[in-house]
């Protein structure tokens, strides 16, 4: 799926397939996730949002099923920690 680069601290690029209602997000960490049954208006609102990361956290992460596709990471620099993106269902109390 073709993705468009976005200006965001947390998201690197966003792609959308309107026929299958699939949203693909590459995070700044290099992780790539695909979200299912995402309506076209949600994609449009994400792309138009003042903060792509905040819109994602509030409107996509808690509502749509996803699968991790992989990573486009560059090798990490020594001593640089990598944050793991967790779905809300994985977070404890």
Foldseek 3Di string as FASTA:
>chain_A
DDWDADPAQFWGTWDADQVQGKIWTQTPQFWIKIWGPHHPVLVVCLRVDPHNVVSCVVPPLQPTDMDTPGGPHDDDDPPDDDDDDDGPVPDDD
